[in-house]
């Protein structure tokens, strides 16, 4: 199940407090500046820094070039 648009407007990275990319196909919220992904489990974002996972260069390129990726924050 996809994240609600209202929720996407509110979400930000807990470390740098900037927007994230929502990659629905992989069920993650991705921070391209820090190159970490946060899992979305049962439509609940797990935005805990200790639970984030590093992202490889290949996966980073795929995420930032994904046409279906949605940005969080007011501009989403």
PDB file of N, CA and C in Angstrom:
ATOM      1  N   UNK A   1       0.834  -1.177   0.000  1.00  0.00           N
ATOM      2  CA  UNK A   1       0.000   0.000   0.000  1.00  0.00           C
ATOM      3  C   UNK A   1       0.885   1.248   0.000  1.00  0.00           C
ATOM      4  N   UNK A   2       0.571   2.190  -0.831  1.00  0.00           N
ATOM      5  CA  UNK A   2       1.363   3.420  -0.972  1.00  0.00           C
ATOM      6  C   UNK A   2       1.135   4.358   0.208  1.00  0.00           C
ATOM      7  N   UNK A   3       2.123   5.201   0.442  1.00  0.00           N
ATOM      8  CA  UNK A   3       1.990   6.208   1.486  1.00  0.00           C
ATOM      9  C   UNK A   3       1.032   7.306   1.037  1.00  0.00           C
ATOM     10  N   UNK A   4       0.264   7.798   1.945  1.00  0.00           N
ATOM     11  CA  UNK A   4      -0.692   8.863   1.708  1.00  0.00           C
ATOM     12  C   UNK A   4       0.027  10.159   1.323  1.00  0.00           C
ATOM     13  N   UNK A   5      -0.548  10.924   0.397  1.00  0.00           N
ATOM     14  CA  UNK A   5       0.053  12.189  -0.050  1.00  0.00           C
ATOM     15  C   UNK A   5       0.218  13.180   1.096  1.00  0.00           C
ATOM     16  N   UNK A   6      -0.752  13.232   2.006  1.00  0.00           N
ATOM     17  CA  UNK A   6      -0.654  14.126   3.160  1.00  0.00           C
ATOM     18  C   UNK A   6       0.556  13.756   4.019  1.00  0.00           C
ATOM     19  N   UNK A   7       0.760  12.463   4.252  1.00  0.00           N
ATOM     20  CA  UNK A   7       1.903  12.008   5.040  1.00  0.00           C
ATOM     21  C   UNK A   7       3.215  12.351   4.334  1.00  0.00           C
ATOM     22  N   UNK A   8       3.266  12.184   3.022  1.00  0.00           N
ATOM     23  CA  UNK A   8       4.481  12.507   2.275  1.00  0.00           C
ATOM     24  C   UNK A   8       4.876  13.977   2.439  1.00  0.00           C
ATOM     25  N   UNK A   9       3.884  14.862   2.552  1.00  0.00           N
ATOM     26  CA  UNK A   9       4.175  16.285   2.748  1.00  0.00           C
ATOM     27  C   UNK A   9       4.853  16.557   4.083  1.00  0.00           C
ATOM     28  N   UNK A  10       4.614  15.700   5.060  1.00  0.00           N
ATOM     29  CA  UNK A  10       5.142  15.913   6.408  1.00  0.00           C
ATOM     30  C   UNK A  10       6.506  15.278   6.653  1.00  0.00           C
ATOM     31  N   UNK A  11       6.847  14.275   5.871  1.00  0.00           N
ATOM     32  CA  UNK A  11       8.064  13.505   6.148  1.00  0.00           C
ATOM     33  C   UNK A  11       9.336  14.235   5.753  1.00  0.00           C
ATOM     34  N   UNK A  12      10.361  14.046   6.587  1.00  0.00           N
ATOM     35  CA  UNK A  12      11.704  14.563   6.294  1.00  0.00           C
ATOM     36  C   UNK A  12      12.705  13.617   6.937  1.00  0.00           C
ATOM     37  N   UNK A  13      13.943  13.725   6.517  1.00  0.00           N
ATOM     38  CA  UNK A  13      14.991  12.898   7.101  1.00  0.00           C
ATOM     39  C   UNK A  13      15.206  13.325   8.551  1.00  0.00           C
ATOM     40  N   UNK A  14      15.293  12.374   9.488  1.00  0.00           N
ATOM     41  CA  UNK A  14      15.463  12.736  10.890  1.00  0.00           C
ATOM     42  C   UNK A  14      16.845  13.285  11.231  1.00  0.00           C
ATOM     43  N   UNK A  15      17.805  13.129  10.342  1.00  0.00           N
ATOM     44  CA  UNK A  15      19.166  13.596  10.616  1.00  0.00           C
ATOM     45  C   UNK A  15      19.412  14.973  10.008  1.00  0.00           C
ATOM     46  N   UNK A  16      19.180  15.124   8.691  1.00  0.00           N
ATOM     47  CA  UNK A  16      19.460  16.423   8.064  1.00  0.00           C
ATOM     48  C   UNK A  16      18.210  17.283   7.870  1.00  0.00           C
ATOM     49  N   UNK A  17      17.048  16.750   8.214  1.00  0.00           N
ATOM     50  CA  UNK A  17      15.775  17.490   8.174  1.00  0.00           C
ATOM     51  C   UNK A  17      15.438  18.039   6.789  1.00  0.00           C
ATOM     52  N   UNK A  18      15.834  17.311   5.767  1.00  0.00           N
ATOM     53  CA  UNK A  18      15.535  17.669   4.378  1.00  0.00           C
ATOM     54  C   UNK A  18      14.593  16.627   3.785  1.00  0.00           C
ATOM     55  N   UNK A  19      14.171  16.856   2.555  1.00  0.00           N
ATOM     56  CA  UNK A  19      13.225  15.961   1.892  1.00  0.00           C
ATOM     57  C   UNK A  19      13.855  14.603   1.572  1.00  0.00           C
ATOM     58  N   UNK A  20      12.988  13.656   1.315  1.00  0.00           N
ATOM     59  CA  UNK A  20      13.370  12.294   0.962  1.00  0.00           C
ATOM     60  C   UNK A  20      12.713  11.934  -0.367  1.00  0.00           C
ATOM     61  N   UNK A  21      13.162  10.848  -0.958  1.00  0.00           N
ATOM     62  CA  UNK A  21      12.504  10.291  -2.137  1.00  0.00           C
ATOM     63  C   UNK A  21      11.757   9.038  -1.716  1.00  0.00           C
ATOM     64  N   UNK A  22      10.480   8.980  -2.059  1.00  0.00           N
ATOM     65  CA  UNK A  22       9.693   7.788  -1.772  1.00  0.00           C
ATOM     66  C   UNK A  22       9.764   6.874  -2.985  1.00  0.00           C
ATOM     67  N   UNK A  23      10.355   5.695  -2.796  1.00  0.00           N
ATOM     68  CA  UNK A  23      10.481   4.692  -3.846  1.00  0.00           C
ATOM     69  C   UNK A  23       9.479   3.590  -3.510  1.00  0.00           C
ATOM     70  N   UNK A  24       8.284   3.718  -4.038  1.00  0.00           N
ATOM     71  CA  UNK A  24       7.196   2.806  -3.689  1.00  0.00           C
ATOM     72  C   UNK A  24       7.521   1.358  -4.055  1.00  0.00           C
ATOM     73  N   UNK A  25       8.150   1.131  -5.196  1.00  0.00           N
ATOM     74  CA  UNK A  25       8.436  -0.231  -5.647  1.00  0.00           C
ATOM     75  C   UNK A  25       9.329  -0.988  -4.667  1.00  0.00           C
ATOM     76  N   UNK A  26      10.243  -0.285  -3.987  1.00  0.00           N
ATOM     77  CA  UNK A  26      11.148  -0.922  -3.022  1.00  0.00           C
ATOM     78  C   UNK A  26      10.716  -0.711  -1.576  1.00  0.00           C
ATOM     79  N   UNK A  27       9.616   0.005  -1.368  1.00  0.00           N
ATOM     80  CA  UNK A  27       9.107   0.283  -0.019  1.00  0.00           C
ATOM     81  C   UNK A  27      10.156   0.964   0.848  1.00  0.00           C
ATOM     82  N   UNK A  28      10.751   2.045   0.298  1.00  0.00           N
ATOM     83  CA  UNK A  28      11.753   2.802   1.048  1.00  0.00           C
ATOM     84  C   UNK A  28      11.560   4.298   0.864  1.00  0.00           C
ATOM     85  N   UNK A  29      12.059   5.027   1.843  1.00  0.00           N
ATOM     86  CA  UNK A  29      12.255   6.469   1.739  1.00  0.00           C
ATOM     87  C   UNK A  29      13.761   6.647   1.659  1.00  0.00           C
ATOM     88  N   UNK A  30      14.217   7.368   0.639  1.00  0.00           N
ATOM     89  CA  UNK A  30      15.642   7.460   0.358  1.00  0.00           C
ATOM     90  C   UNK A  30      16.151   8.880   0.503  1.00  0.00           C
ATOM     91  N   UNK A  31      17.284   9.030   1.194  1.00  0.00           N
ATOM     92  CA  UNK A  31      17.951  10.323   1.306  1.00  0.00           C
ATOM     93  C   UNK A  31      19.170  10.292   0.380  1.00  0.00           C
ATOM     94  N   UNK A  32      19.096  10.976  -0.776  1.00  0.00           N
ATOM     95  CA  UNK A  32      20.216  10.938  -1.723  1.00  0.00           C
ATOM     96  C   UNK A  32      21.441  11.709  -1.238  1.00  0.00           C
ATOM     97  N   UNK A  33      21.278  12.636  -0.315  1.00  0.00           N
ATOM     98  CA  UNK A  33      22.423  13.389   0.208  1.00  0.00           C
ATOM     99  C   UNK A  33      23.261  12.525   1.140  1.00  0.00           C
ATOM    100  N   UNK A  34      22.609  11.725   1.958  1.00  0.00           N
ATOM    101  CA  UNK A  34      23.302  10.867   2.910  1.00  0.00           C
ATOM    102  C   UNK A  34      23.459   9.445   2.383  1.00  0.00           C
ATOM    103  N   UNK A  35      22.762   9.135   1.288  1.00  0.00           N
ATOM    104  CA  UNK A  35      22.786   7.806   0.666  1.00  0.00           C
ATOM    105  C   UNK A  35      22.381   6.703   1.628  1.00  0.00           C
ATOM    106  N   UNK A  36      21.256   6.945   2.298  1.00  0.00           N
ATOM    107  CA  UNK A  36      20.680   5.936   3.178  1.00  0.00           C
ATOM    108  C   UNK A  36      19.196   5.767   2.849  1.00  0.00           C
ATOM    109  N   UNK A  37      18.705   4.563   3.090  1.00  0.00           N
ATOM    110  CA  UNK A  37      17.296   4.249   2.856  1.00  0.00           C
ATOM    111  C   UNK A  37      16.644   3.856   4.173  1.00  0.00           C
ATOM    112  N   UNK A  38      15.388   4.277   4.314  1.00  0.00           N
ATOM    113  CA  UNK A  38      14.567   3.915   5.464  1.00  0.00           C
ATOM    114  C   UNK A  38      13.441   3.029   4.962  1.00  0.00           C
ATOM    115  N   UNK A  39      13.209   1.924   5.632  1.00  0.00           N
ATOM    116  CA  UNK A  39      12.159   0.999   5.233  1.00  0.00           C
ATOM    117  C   UNK A  39      10.775   1.581   5.503  1.00  0.00           C
ATOM    118  N   UNK A  40       9.831   1.197   4.657  1.00  0.00           N
ATOM    119  CA  UNK A  40       8.411   1.476   4.875  1.00  0.00           C
ATOM    120  C   UNK A  40       7.760   0.105   5.031  1.00  0.00           C
ATOM    121  N   UNK A  41       7.282  -0.173   6.252  1.00  0.00           N
ATOM    122  CA  UNK A  41       6.718  -1.482   6.566  1.00  0.00           C
ATOM    123  C   UNK A  41       5.227  -1.327   6.850  1.00  0.00           C
ATOM    124  N   UNK A  42       4.406  -2.004   6.053  1.00  0.00           N
ATOM    125  CA  UNK A  42       2.947  -1.908   6.191  1.00  0.00           C
ATOM    126  C   UNK A  42       2.477  -0.451   6.201  1.00  0.00           C
ATOM    127  N   UNK A  43       3.004   0.331   5.297  1.00  0.00           N
ATOM    128  CA  UNK A  43       2.677   1.754   5.138  1.00  0.00           C
ATOM    129  C   UNK A  43       3.108   2.620   6.318  1.00  0.00           C
ATOM    130  N   UNK A  44       4.051   2.123   7.116  1.00  0.00           N
ATOM    131  CA  UNK A  44       4.582   2.892   8.244  1.00  0.00           C
ATOM    132  C   UNK A  44       6.067   3.145   7.992  1.00  0.00           C
ATOM    133  N   UNK A  45       6.461   4.420   7.814  1.00  0.00           N
ATOM    134  CA  UNK A  45       7.878   4.729   7.616  1.00  0.00           C
ATOM    135  C   UNK A  45       8.672   4.520   8.906  1.00  0.00           C
ATOM    136  N   UNK A  46       9.769   3.812   8.806  1.00  0.00           N
ATOM    137  CA  UNK A  46      10.643   3.570   9.949  1.00  0.00           C
ATOM    138  C   UNK A  46      11.815   4.546   9.824  1.00  0.00           C
ATOM    139  N   UNK A  47      11.618   5.752  10.346  1.00  0.00           N
ATOM    140  CA  UNK A  47      12.606   6.828  10.187  1.00  0.00           C
ATOM    141  C   UNK A  47      13.525   6.915  11.400  1.00  0.00           C
ATOM    142  N   UNK A  48      14.147   5.804  11.724  1.00  0.00           N
ATOM    143  CA  UNK A  48      15.108   5.751  12.822  1.00  0.00           C
ATOM    144  C   UNK A  48      16.511   5.690  12.225  1.00  0.00           C
ATOM    145  N   UNK A  49      17.383   6.638  12.575  1.00  0.00           N
ATOM    146  CA  UNK A  49      18.726   6.640  11.995  1.00  0.00           C
ATOM    147  C   UNK A  49      19.465   5.317  12.165  1.00  0.00           C
ATOM    148  N   UNK A  50      19.300   4.659  13.303  1.00  0.00           N
ATOM    149  CA  UNK A  50      19.978   3.387  13.525  1.00  0.00           C
ATOM    150  C   UNK A  50      19.433   2.254  12.673  1.00  0.00           C
ATOM    151  N   UNK A  51      18.241   2.434  12.129  1.00  0.00           N
ATOM    152  CA  UNK A  51      17.609   1.422  11.286  1.00  0.00           C
ATOM    153  C   UNK A  51      17.809   1.688   9.794  1.00  0.00           C
ATOM    154  N   UNK A  52      18.432   2.807   9.444  1.00  0.00           N
ATOM    155  CA  UNK A  52      18.656   3.114   8.025  1.00  0.00           C
ATOM    156  C   UNK A  52      19.721   2.186   7.458  1.00  0.00           C
ATOM    157  N   UNK A  53      19.679   2.015   6.140  1.00  0.00           N
ATOM    158  CA  UNK A  53      20.660   1.162   5.487  1.00  0.00           C
ATOM    159  C   UNK A  53      21.395   1.938   4.400  1.00  0.00           C
ATOM    160  N   UNK A  54      22.716   1.742   4.302  1.00  0.00           N
ATOM    161  CA  UNK A  54      23.466   2.425   3.246  1.00  0.00           C
ATOM    162  C   UNK A  54      23.053   1.899   1.876  1.00  0.00           C
ATOM    163  N   UNK A  55      23.205   2.758   0.874  1.00  0.00           N
ATOM    164  CA  UNK A  55      22.782   2.429  -0.484  1.00  0.00           C
ATOM    165  C   UNK A  55      24.002   2.465  -1.404  1.00  0.00           C
ATOM    166  N   UNK A  56      24.122   1.450  -2.246  1.00  0.00           N
ATOM    167  CA  UNK A  56      25.239   1.361  -3.188  1.00  0.00           C
ATOM    168  C   UNK A  56      25.124   2.440  -4.264  1.00  0.00           C
ATOM    169  N   UNK A  57      26.222   2.662  -4.977  1.00  0.00           N
ATOM    170  CA  UNK A  57      26.212   3.641  -6.067  1.00  0.00           C
ATOM    171  C   UNK A  57      25.182   3.270  -7.140  1.00  0.00           C
ATOM    172  N   UNK A  58      25.086   1.976  -7.459  1.00  0.00           N
ATOM    173  CA  UNK A  58      24.133   1.535  -8.480  1.00  0.00           C
ATOM    174  C   UNK A  58      22.696   1.789  -8.039  1.00  0.00           C
ATOM    175  N   UNK A  59      22.398   1.463  -6.781  1.00  0.00           N
ATOM    176  CA  UNK A  59      21.041   1.670  -6.266  1.00  0.00           C
ATOM    177  C   UNK A  59      20.737   3.167  -6.160  1.00  0.00           C
ATOM    178  N   UNK A  60      21.741   3.967  -5.765  1.00  0.00           N
ATOM    179  CA  UNK A  60      21.568   5.424  -5.703  1.00  0.00           C
ATOM    180  C   UNK A  60      21.157   5.957  -7.071  1.00  0.00           C
ATOM    181  N   UNK A  61      21.895   5.556  -8.116  1.00  0.00           N
ATOM    182  CA  UNK A  61      21.572   6.008  -9.474  1.00  0.00           C
ATOM    183  C   UNK A  61      20.160   5.592  -9.875  1.00  0.00           C
ATOM    184  N   UNK A  62      19.780   4.366  -9.524  1.00  0.00           N
ATOM    185  CA  UNK A  62      18.435   3.887  -9.855  1.00  0.00           C
ATOM    186  C   UNK A  62      17.370   4.705  -9.128  1.00  0.00           C
ATOM    187  N   UNK A  63      17.601   5.004  -7.870  1.00  0.00           N
ATOM    188  CA  UNK A  63      16.619   5.760  -7.094  1.00  0.00           C
ATOM    189  C   UNK A  63      16.470   7.191  -7.596  1.00  0.00           C
ATOM    190  N   UNK A  64      17.579   7.884  -7.807  1.00  0.00           N
ATOM    191  CA  UNK A  64      17.473   9.290  -8.213  1.00  0.00           C
ATOM    192  C   UNK A  64      16.964   9.443  -9.644  1.00  0.00           C
ATOM    193  N   UNK A  65      17.079   8.392 -10.457  1.00  0.00           N
ATOM    194  CA  UNK A  65      16.591   8.447 -11.838  1.00  0.00           C
ATOM    195  C   UNK A  65      15.251   7.746 -12.027  1.00  0.00           C
ATOM    196  N   UNK A  66      14.646   7.282 -10.941  1.00  0.00           N
ATOM    197  CA  UNK A  66      13.360   6.591 -11.012  1.00  0.00           C
ATOM    198  C   UNK A  66      12.248   7.597 -11.313  1.00  0.00           C
ATOM    199  N   UNK A  67      11.585   7.480 -12.457  1.00  0.00           N
ATOM    200  CA  UNK A  67      10.526   8.438 -12.796  1.00  0.00           C
ATOM    201  C   UNK A  67       9.309   8.347 -11.871  1.00  0.00           C
ATOM    202  N   UNK A  68       9.158   7.236 -11.166  1.00  0.00           N
ATOM    203  CA  UNK A  68       8.026   7.078 -10.251  1.00  0.00           C
ATOM    204  C   UNK A  68       8.331   7.573  -8.837  1.00  0.00           C
ATOM    205  N   UNK A  69       9.580   7.949  -8.573  1.00  0.00           N
ATOM    206  CA  UNK A  69       9.950   8.437  -7.235  1.00  0.00           C
ATOM    207  C   UNK A  69       9.224   9.727  -6.926  1.00  0.00           C
ATOM    208  N   UNK A  70       8.771   9.845  -5.690  1.00  0.00           N
ATOM    209  CA  UNK A  70       8.068  11.045  -5.243  1.00  0.00           C
ATOM    210  C   UNK A  70       8.867  11.695  -4.129  1.00  0.00           C
ATOM    211  N   UNK A  71       8.998  12.993  -4.201  1.00  0.00           N
ATOM    212  CA  UNK A  71       9.716  13.741  -3.175  1.00  0.00           C
ATOM    213  C   UNK A  71       8.790  14.051  -2.012  1.00  0.00           C
ATOM    214  N   UNK A  72       9.340  13.974  -0.806  1.00  0.00           N
ATOM    215  CA  UNK A  72       8.559  14.342   0.371  1.00  0.00           C
ATOM    216  C   UNK A  72       8.662  15.855   0.585  1.00  0.00           C
ATOM    217  N   UNK A  73       7.846  16.361   1.474  1.00  0.00           N
ATOM    218  CA  UNK A  73       7.842  17.798   1.757  1.00  0.00           C
ATOM    219  C   UNK A  73       6.727  18.480   1.000  1.00  0.00           C
ATOM    220  N   UNK A  74       6.631  19.765   1.184  1.00  0.00           N
ATOM    221  CA  UNK A  74       5.541  20.538   0.589  1.00  0.00           C
ATOM    222  C   UNK A  74       5.534  20.533  -0.930  1.00  0.00           C
ATOM    223  N   UNK A  75       6.668  20.262  -1.561  1.00  0.00           N
ATOM    224  CA  UNK A  75       6.750  20.278  -3.026  1.00  0.00           C
ATOM    225  C   UNK A  75       6.358  18.950  -3.651  1.00  0.00           C
ATOM    226  N   UNK A  76       5.997  17.953  -2.827  1.00  0.00           N
ATOM    227  CA  UNK A  76       5.715  16.615  -3.383  1.00  0.00           C
ATOM    228  C   UNK A  76       4.445  16.572  -4.205  1.00  0.00           C
TER     229      UNK A  76
END
